[in-house]
Amino acid sequence: MMDRILVDTNIIIDLLSRRREFYKPASKLFTLSDNKEILLAISSLTFANTFYLLSKELATVKVKEILRRFKLLVKVLPMDDKIIDLALNSEFKDFEDAIQYFTAIEYKFDIIITRNVKDFMLSKIPVMTASDYLAMK
């Protein structure tokens, strides 16, 4: 069965900004998705946050072009009333991480990939870095 993985914003930025020390594992993860070996998804919040962060460095036209291509590699999951309520009433210190987590739970994803594993200590599903996930494959 194919792994269903929710990807945190920092991994997306690693890939799209080609962050030197983090680009290679992020790239390998998305290659697996492109090859239909895994299903990668992101929260719609991540899509908006990524646009915002990239537009600080690049022209809006360029960011939209990058995100149109990127969108082919992931499923974008909606953020709804239930997810917001769960996040607002959770013990997570970081609201965005709570949204990521409850999006993964709501849509029955198996794993969360992030560079900030410690931020997901309350998770009931596995949370790991891209490198740790790739080492298991």
N, C-alpha and C. Protein backbone atom coordinates (compact mmCIF):
# COMPACT_ATOMS: atom_id res chain seq x y z
N MET A 1 0.84 -1.19 0.00
CA MET A 1 0.00 0.00 0.00
C MET A 1 0.89 1.26 0.00
N MET A 2 0.48 2.23 -0.73
CA MET A 2 1.23 3.47 -0.88
C MET A 2 1.12 4.33 0.39
N ASP A 3 2.28 4.84 0.86
CA ASP A 3 2.25 5.75 2.01
C ASP A 3 1.54 7.04 1.63
N ARG A 4 0.71 7.51 2.56
CA ARG A 4 -0.01 8.78 2.41
C ARG A 4 0.63 9.76 3.39
N ILE A 5 1.31 10.76 2.86
CA ILE A 5 2.15 11.63 3.68
C ILE A 5 1.71 13.08 3.56
N LEU A 6 1.52 13.71 4.72
CA LEU A 6 1.27 15.15 4.75
C LEU A 6 2.63 15.83 4.95
N VAL A 7 2.91 16.80 4.11
CA VAL A 7 4.20 17.48 4.12
C VAL A 7 4.04 18.87 4.73
N ASP A 8 4.89 19.17 5.71
CA ASP A 8 4.86 20.46 6.40
C ASP A 8 5.47 21.55 5.50
N THR A 9 5.12 22.77 5.80
CA THR A 9 5.55 23.93 4.99
C THR A 9 7.07 24.00 4.84
N ASN A 10 7.81 23.71 5.90
CA ASN A 10 9.27 23.86 5.81
C ASN A 10 9.90 22.96 4.76
N ILE A 11 9.32 21.80 4.52
CA ILE A 11 9.84 20.89 3.49
C ILE A 11 9.58 21.45 2.09
N ILE A 12 8.42 22.08 1.92
CA ILE A 12 8.07 22.69 0.64
C ILE A 12 9.05 23.84 0.33
N ILE A 13 9.32 24.65 1.33
CA ILE A 13 10.24 25.77 1.15
C ILE A 13 11.65 25.24 0.87
N ASP A 14 12.05 24.15 1.54
CA ASP A 14 13.36 23.53 1.27
C ASP A 14 13.47 23.17 -0.20
N LEU A 15 12.41 22.59 -0.73
CA LEU A 15 12.41 22.17 -2.13
C LEU A 15 12.40 23.36 -3.08
N LEU A 16 11.43 24.24 -2.91
CA LEU A 16 11.22 25.32 -3.89
C LEU A 16 12.27 26.43 -3.79
N SER A 17 12.86 26.61 -2.61
CA SER A 17 13.93 27.61 -2.46
C SER A 17 15.31 26.98 -2.60
N ARG A 18 15.32 25.68 -2.82
CA ARG A 18 16.57 24.93 -2.96
C ARG A 18 17.53 25.21 -1.81
N ARG A 19 17.01 25.13 -0.59
CA ARG A 19 17.85 25.32 0.60
C ARG A 19 18.95 24.27 0.61
N ARG A 20 20.17 24.74 0.59
CA ARG A 20 21.33 23.88 0.37
C ARG A 20 21.32 22.59 1.18
N GLU A 21 21.27 22.67 2.48
CA GLU A 21 21.42 21.46 3.29
C GLU A 21 20.17 20.59 3.33
N PHE A 22 19.04 21.13 2.90
CA PHE A 22 17.78 20.38 3.01
C PHE A 22 17.16 20.02 1.66
N TYR A 23 17.72 20.55 0.58
CA TYR A 23 17.11 20.36 -0.74
C TYR A 23 17.10 18.90 -1.18
N LYS A 24 18.21 18.21 -1.02
CA LYS A 24 18.33 16.85 -1.57
C LYS A 24 17.28 15.89 -1.00
N PRO A 25 17.10 15.81 0.34
CA PRO A 25 16.04 14.90 0.82
C PRO A 25 14.64 15.33 0.39
N ALA A 26 14.39 16.63 0.36
CA ALA A 26 13.07 17.11 -0.09
C ALA A 26 12.86 16.72 -1.55
N SER A 27 13.87 16.90 -2.36
CA SER A 27 13.79 16.57 -3.78
C SER A 27 13.52 15.07 -3.98
N LYS A 28 14.21 14.24 -3.23
CA LYS A 28 14.00 12.79 -3.34
C LYS A 28 12.57 12.41 -2.94
N LEU A 29 12.06 13.05 -1.91
CA LEU A 29 10.69 12.79 -1.48
C LEU A 29 9.70 13.12 -2.60
N PHE A 30 9.89 14.25 -3.23
CA PHE A 30 8.96 14.66 -4.30
C PHE A 30 9.17 13.84 -5.57
N THR A 31 10.34 13.29 -5.77
CA THR A 31 10.56 12.37 -6.89
C THR A 31 9.75 11.10 -6.67
N LEU A 32 9.71 10.62 -5.44
CA LEU A 32 8.88 9.44 -5.14
C LEU A 32 7.41 9.73 -5.44
N SER A 33 6.98 10.93 -5.13
CA SER A 33 5.59 11.32 -5.43
C SER A 33 5.36 11.39 -6.94
N ASP A 34 6.30 12.00 -7.63
CA ASP A 34 6.20 12.13 -9.08
C ASP A 34 6.15 10.75 -9.75
N ASN A 35 6.85 9.78 -9.16
CA ASN A 35 6.86 8.41 -9.68
C ASN A 35 5.68 7.57 -9.17
N LYS A 36 4.76 8.22 -8.45
CA LYS A 36 3.54 7.57 -7.93
C LYS A 36 3.86 6.45 -6.94
N GLU A 37 4.99 6.58 -6.22
CA GLU A 37 5.35 5.60 -5.21
C GLU A 37 4.77 5.96 -3.85
N ILE A 38 4.51 7.24 -3.64
CA ILE A 38 3.88 7.74 -2.42
C ILE A 38 2.89 8.83 -2.82
N LEU A 39 1.96 9.10 -1.91
CA LEU A 39 1.02 10.21 -2.12
C LEU A 39 1.42 11.31 -1.15
N LEU A 40 1.76 12.47 -1.68
CA LEU A 40 2.09 13.63 -0.86
C LEU A 40 0.93 14.60 -0.89
N ALA A 41 0.62 15.14 0.27
CA ALA A 41 -0.44 16.14 0.37
C ALA A 41 0.03 17.28 1.24
N ILE A 42 -0.60 18.43 1.04
CA ILE A 42 -0.34 19.59 1.88
C ILE A 42 -1.67 20.22 2.24
N SER A 43 -1.67 20.92 3.34
CA SER A 43 -2.83 21.69 3.73
C SER A 43 -2.96 22.90 2.81
N SER A 44 -4.18 23.34 2.59
CA SER A 44 -4.36 24.57 1.79
C SER A 44 -3.66 25.74 2.48
N LEU A 45 -3.54 25.69 3.80
CA LEU A 45 -2.79 26.72 4.53
C LEU A 45 -1.33 26.73 4.09
N THR A 46 -0.74 25.56 3.91
CA THR A 46 0.65 25.47 3.45
C THR A 46 0.81 26.11 2.08
N PHE A 47 -0.17 25.89 1.21
CA PHE A 47 -0.09 26.47 -0.13
C PHE A 47 -0.05 28.00 -0.04
N ALA A 48 -0.93 28.55 0.78
CA ALA A 48 -0.98 30.01 0.96
C ALA A 48 0.31 30.53 1.62
N ASN A 49 0.77 29.84 2.65
CA ASN A 49 2.00 30.26 3.33
C ASN A 49 3.21 30.19 2.40
N THR A 50 3.26 29.16 1.57
CA THR A 50 4.37 29.02 0.63
C THR A 50 4.36 30.17 -0.38
N PHE A 51 3.18 30.51 -0.88
CA PHE A 51 3.08 31.64 -1.80
C PHE A 51 3.62 32.91 -1.12
N TYR A 52 3.19 33.14 0.10
CA TYR A 52 3.60 34.33 0.85
C TYR A 52 5.12 34.36 1.04
N LEU A 53 5.70 33.24 1.48
CA LEU A 53 7.14 33.20 1.75
C LEU A 53 7.97 33.36 0.47
N LEU A 54 7.57 32.69 -0.59
CA LEU A 54 8.32 32.80 -1.85
C LEU A 54 8.19 34.19 -2.46
N SER A 55 7.04 34.83 -2.28
CA SER A 55 6.84 36.15 -2.89
C SER A 55 7.67 37.24 -2.21
N LYS A 56 8.27 36.92 -1.07
CA LYS A 56 9.20 37.86 -0.44
C LYS A 56 10.52 37.92 -1.21
N GLU A 57 10.82 36.83 -1.96
CA GLU A 57 12.08 36.72 -2.68
C GLU A 57 11.92 36.84 -4.20
N LEU A 58 10.74 36.51 -4.69
CA LEU A 58 10.52 36.43 -6.14
C LEU A 58 9.29 37.23 -6.55
N ALA A 59 9.22 37.57 -7.82
CA ALA A 59 8.06 38.28 -8.36
C ALA A 59 6.83 37.36 -8.31
N THR A 60 5.67 37.95 -8.10
CA THR A 60 4.41 37.19 -8.01
C THR A 60 4.21 36.29 -9.22
N VAL A 61 4.50 36.79 -10.40
CA VAL A 61 4.33 35.99 -11.63
C VAL A 61 5.19 34.73 -11.56
N LYS A 62 6.42 34.86 -11.10
CA LYS A 62 7.34 33.73 -10.99
C LYS A 62 6.85 32.75 -9.93
N VAL A 63 6.38 33.27 -8.79
CA VAL A 63 5.88 32.40 -7.72
C VAL A 63 4.69 31.59 -8.21
N LYS A 64 3.77 32.22 -8.91
CA LYS A 64 2.61 31.50 -9.44
C LYS A 64 3.04 30.41 -10.42
N GLU A 65 4.02 30.70 -11.24
CA GLU A 65 4.54 29.71 -12.20
C GLU A 65 5.13 28.51 -11.45
N ILE A 66 5.92 28.77 -10.44
CA ILE A 66 6.53 27.71 -9.62
C ILE A 66 5.44 26.87 -8.95
N LEU A 67 4.45 27.54 -8.37
CA LEU A 67 3.41 26.82 -7.65
C LEU A 67 2.47 26.04 -8.57
N ARG A 68 2.27 26.51 -9.78
CA ARG A 68 1.46 25.73 -10.74
C ARG A 68 2.15 24.39 -11.03
N ARG A 69 3.46 24.43 -11.22
CA ARG A 69 4.20 23.17 -11.47
C ARG A 69 4.23 22.30 -10.21
N PHE A 70 4.46 22.94 -9.07
CA PHE A 70 4.53 22.21 -7.81
C PHE A 70 3.22 21.49 -7.50
N LYS A 71 2.11 22.13 -7.79
CA LYS A 71 0.78 21.59 -7.47
C LYS A 71 0.55 20.23 -8.13
N LEU A 72 1.24 19.94 -9.21
CA LEU A 72 1.10 18.66 -9.89
C LEU A 72 1.64 17.50 -9.06
N LEU A 73 2.50 17.83 -8.07
CA LEU A 73 3.15 16.79 -7.26
C LEU A 73 2.42 16.47 -5.96
N VAL A 74 1.45 17.29 -5.60
CA VAL A 74 0.78 17.12 -4.31
C VAL A 74 -0.73 17.22 -4.45
N LYS A 75 -1.38 16.67 -3.44
CA LYS A 75 -2.82 16.85 -3.30
C LYS A 75 -2.97 17.98 -2.28
N VAL A 76 -3.79 18.97 -2.58
CA VAL A 76 -4.03 20.08 -1.65
C VAL A 76 -5.31 19.76 -0.88
N LEU A 77 -5.17 19.66 0.44
CA LEU A 77 -6.29 19.29 1.30
C LEU A 77 -6.97 20.53 1.86
N PRO A 78 -8.29 20.54 1.88
CA PRO A 78 -9.00 21.71 2.40
C PRO A 78 -8.86 21.85 3.93
N MET A 79 -8.94 23.07 4.35
CA MET A 79 -8.95 23.39 5.78
C MET A 79 -10.37 23.85 6.07
N ASP A 80 -11.02 23.16 7.00
CA ASP A 80 -12.42 23.49 7.24
C ASP A 80 -12.68 23.83 8.71
N ASP A 81 -13.93 24.06 9.00
CA ASP A 81 -14.38 24.43 10.33
C ASP A 81 -13.92 23.44 11.39
N LYS A 82 -14.06 22.15 11.10
CA LYS A 82 -13.69 21.10 12.06
C LYS A 82 -12.20 21.16 12.38
N ILE A 83 -11.38 21.28 11.35
CA ILE A 83 -9.92 21.33 11.55
C ILE A 83 -9.53 22.56 12.37
N ILE A 84 -10.14 23.69 12.06
CA ILE A 84 -9.85 24.92 12.83
C ILE A 84 -10.26 24.74 14.29
N ASP A 85 -11.44 24.18 14.53
CA ASP A 85 -11.90 23.96 15.91
C ASP A 85 -10.96 23.02 16.66
N LEU A 86 -10.57 21.93 16.01
CA LEU A 86 -9.65 20.99 16.64
C LEU A 86 -8.32 21.67 16.98
N ALA A 87 -7.81 22.46 16.04
CA ALA A 87 -6.53 23.15 16.25
C ALA A 87 -6.64 24.18 17.38
N LEU A 88 -7.73 24.93 17.39
CA LEU A 88 -7.92 25.95 18.42
C LEU A 88 -8.04 25.34 19.82
N ASN A 89 -8.58 24.15 19.89
CA ASN A 89 -8.82 23.52 21.19
C ASN A 89 -7.80 22.45 21.54
N SER A 90 -6.70 22.41 20.81
CA SER A 90 -5.67 21.39 21.05
C SER A 90 -4.61 21.91 22.02
N GLU A 91 -3.75 21.00 22.40
CA GLU A 91 -2.63 21.34 23.29
C GLU A 91 -1.39 21.77 22.52
N PHE A 92 -1.46 21.77 21.19
CA PHE A 92 -0.31 22.19 20.39
C PHE A 92 0.04 23.63 20.71
N LYS A 93 1.33 23.90 20.88
CA LYS A 93 1.78 25.27 21.15
C LYS A 93 1.67 26.15 19.89
N ASP A 94 1.95 25.55 18.74
CA ASP A 94 1.96 26.29 17.47
C ASP A 94 0.66 25.99 16.71
N PHE A 95 -0.10 27.04 16.43
CA PHE A 95 -1.40 26.89 15.77
C PHE A 95 -1.26 26.27 14.37
N GLU A 96 -0.27 26.72 13.62
CA GLU A 96 -0.08 26.18 12.26
C GLU A 96 0.23 24.68 12.32
N ASP A 97 1.07 24.25 13.26
CA ASP A 97 1.37 22.83 13.40
C ASP A 97 0.11 22.05 13.76
N ALA A 98 -0.74 22.63 14.59
CA ALA A 98 -2.00 21.98 14.94
C ALA A 98 -2.87 21.79 13.70
N ILE A 99 -2.92 22.81 12.86
CA ILE A 99 -3.69 22.69 11.61
C ILE A 99 -3.11 21.59 10.74
N GLN A 100 -1.79 21.54 10.62
CA GLN A 100 -1.14 20.48 9.82
C GLN A 100 -1.54 19.10 10.38
N TYR A 101 -1.41 18.96 11.68
CA TYR A 101 -1.68 17.69 12.32
C TYR A 101 -3.14 17.25 12.13
N PHE A 102 -4.07 18.14 12.41
CA PHE A 102 -5.48 17.75 12.31
C PHE A 102 -5.93 17.58 10.86
N THR A 103 -5.24 18.23 9.93
CA THR A 103 -5.51 17.97 8.51
C THR A 103 -5.10 16.53 8.18
N ALA A 104 -3.92 16.13 8.64
CA ALA A 104 -3.46 14.75 8.40
C ALA A 104 -4.42 13.74 9.02
N ILE A 105 -4.86 14.00 10.23
CA ILE A 105 -5.78 13.08 10.92
C ILE A 105 -7.13 13.03 10.19
N GLU A 106 -7.68 14.19 9.88
CA GLU A 106 -9.00 14.26 9.25
C GLU A 106 -9.05 13.53 7.91
N TYR A 107 -7.97 13.62 7.14
CA TYR A 107 -7.94 13.00 5.82
C TYR A 107 -7.21 11.66 5.81
N LYS A 108 -6.97 11.11 7.02
CA LYS A 108 -6.42 9.77 7.20
C LYS A 108 -5.06 9.56 6.52
N PHE A 109 -4.16 10.51 6.76
CA PHE A 109 -2.80 10.35 6.27
C PHE A 109 -1.97 9.60 7.30
N ASP A 110 -0.95 8.88 6.82
CA ASP A 110 -0.19 7.95 7.66
C ASP A 110 0.96 8.60 8.40
N ILE A 111 1.57 9.61 7.79
CA ILE A 111 2.83 10.17 8.27
C ILE A 111 2.83 11.68 8.03
N ILE A 112 3.51 12.40 8.90
CA ILE A 112 3.78 13.82 8.67
C ILE A 112 5.29 13.96 8.49
N ILE A 113 5.69 14.64 7.42
CA ILE A 113 7.11 14.91 7.18
C ILE A 113 7.35 16.39 7.46
N THR A 114 8.33 16.65 8.33
CA THR A 114 8.68 18.01 8.74
C THR A 114 10.14 18.04 9.15
N ARG A 115 10.71 19.22 9.24
CA ARG A 115 12.02 19.35 9.85
C ARG A 115 11.90 19.63 11.34
N ASN A 116 10.71 19.95 11.80
CA ASN A 116 10.48 20.31 13.20
C ASN A 116 9.70 19.21 13.93
N VAL A 117 10.29 18.04 14.01
CA VAL A 117 9.63 16.89 14.62
C VAL A 117 9.19 17.20 16.05
N LYS A 118 10.01 17.93 16.79
CA LYS A 118 9.70 18.23 18.20
C LYS A 118 8.40 19.01 18.35
N ASP A 119 7.99 19.73 17.31
CA ASP A 119 6.75 20.50 17.37
C ASP A 119 5.50 19.61 17.31
N PHE A 120 5.70 18.34 17.00
CA PHE A 120 4.57 17.41 16.85
C PHE A 120 4.61 16.30 17.90
N MET A 121 5.13 16.61 19.07
CA MET A 121 5.26 15.60 20.14
C MET A 121 3.90 14.99 20.53
N LEU A 122 2.82 15.72 20.32
CA LEU A 122 1.49 15.22 20.69
C LEU A 122 0.86 14.32 19.62
N SER A 123 1.57 14.12 18.53
CA SER A 123 1.01 13.39 17.39
C SER A 123 0.76 11.92 17.71
N LYS A 124 -0.35 11.42 17.21
CA LYS A 124 -0.69 10.01 17.34
C LYS A 124 -0.30 9.23 16.07
N ILE A 125 0.22 9.93 15.07
CA ILE A 125 0.73 9.27 13.86
C ILE A 125 2.23 9.59 13.76
N PRO A 126 2.99 8.77 13.03
CA PRO A 126 4.43 9.01 12.92
C PRO A 126 4.74 10.38 12.31
N VAL A 127 5.74 11.04 12.89
CA VAL A 127 6.23 12.32 12.39
C VAL A 127 7.74 12.17 12.25
N MET A 128 8.27 12.52 11.08
CA MET A 128 9.70 12.35 10.85
C MET A 128 10.22 13.34 9.83
N THR A 129 11.53 13.40 9.75
CA THR A 129 12.15 14.25 8.73
C THR A 129 12.12 13.52 7.39
N ALA A 130 12.35 14.26 6.33
CA ALA A 130 12.42 13.64 5.01
C ALA A 130 13.57 12.62 4.96
N SER A 131 14.71 12.98 5.54
CA SER A 131 15.86 12.05 5.56
C SER A 131 15.54 10.76 6.28
N ASP A 132 14.88 10.87 7.45
CA ASP A 132 14.53 9.67 8.20
C ASP A 132 13.54 8.80 7.42
N TYR A 133 12.57 9.44 6.75
CA TYR A 133 11.63 8.67 5.95
C TYR A 133 12.35 7.96 4.81
N LEU A 134 13.20 8.67 4.11
CA LEU A 134 13.91 8.09 2.98
C LEU A 134 14.82 6.93 3.40
N ALA A 135 15.37 7.01 4.61
CA ALA A 135 16.23 5.94 5.12
C ALA A 135 15.42 4.65 5.33
N MET A 136 14.13 4.77 5.54
CA MET A 136 13.25 3.60 5.73
C MET A 136 12.83 2.97 4.41
N LYS A 137 12.91 3.70 3.33
CA LYS A 137 12.42 3.21 2.03
C LYS A 137 13.35 2.20 1.42
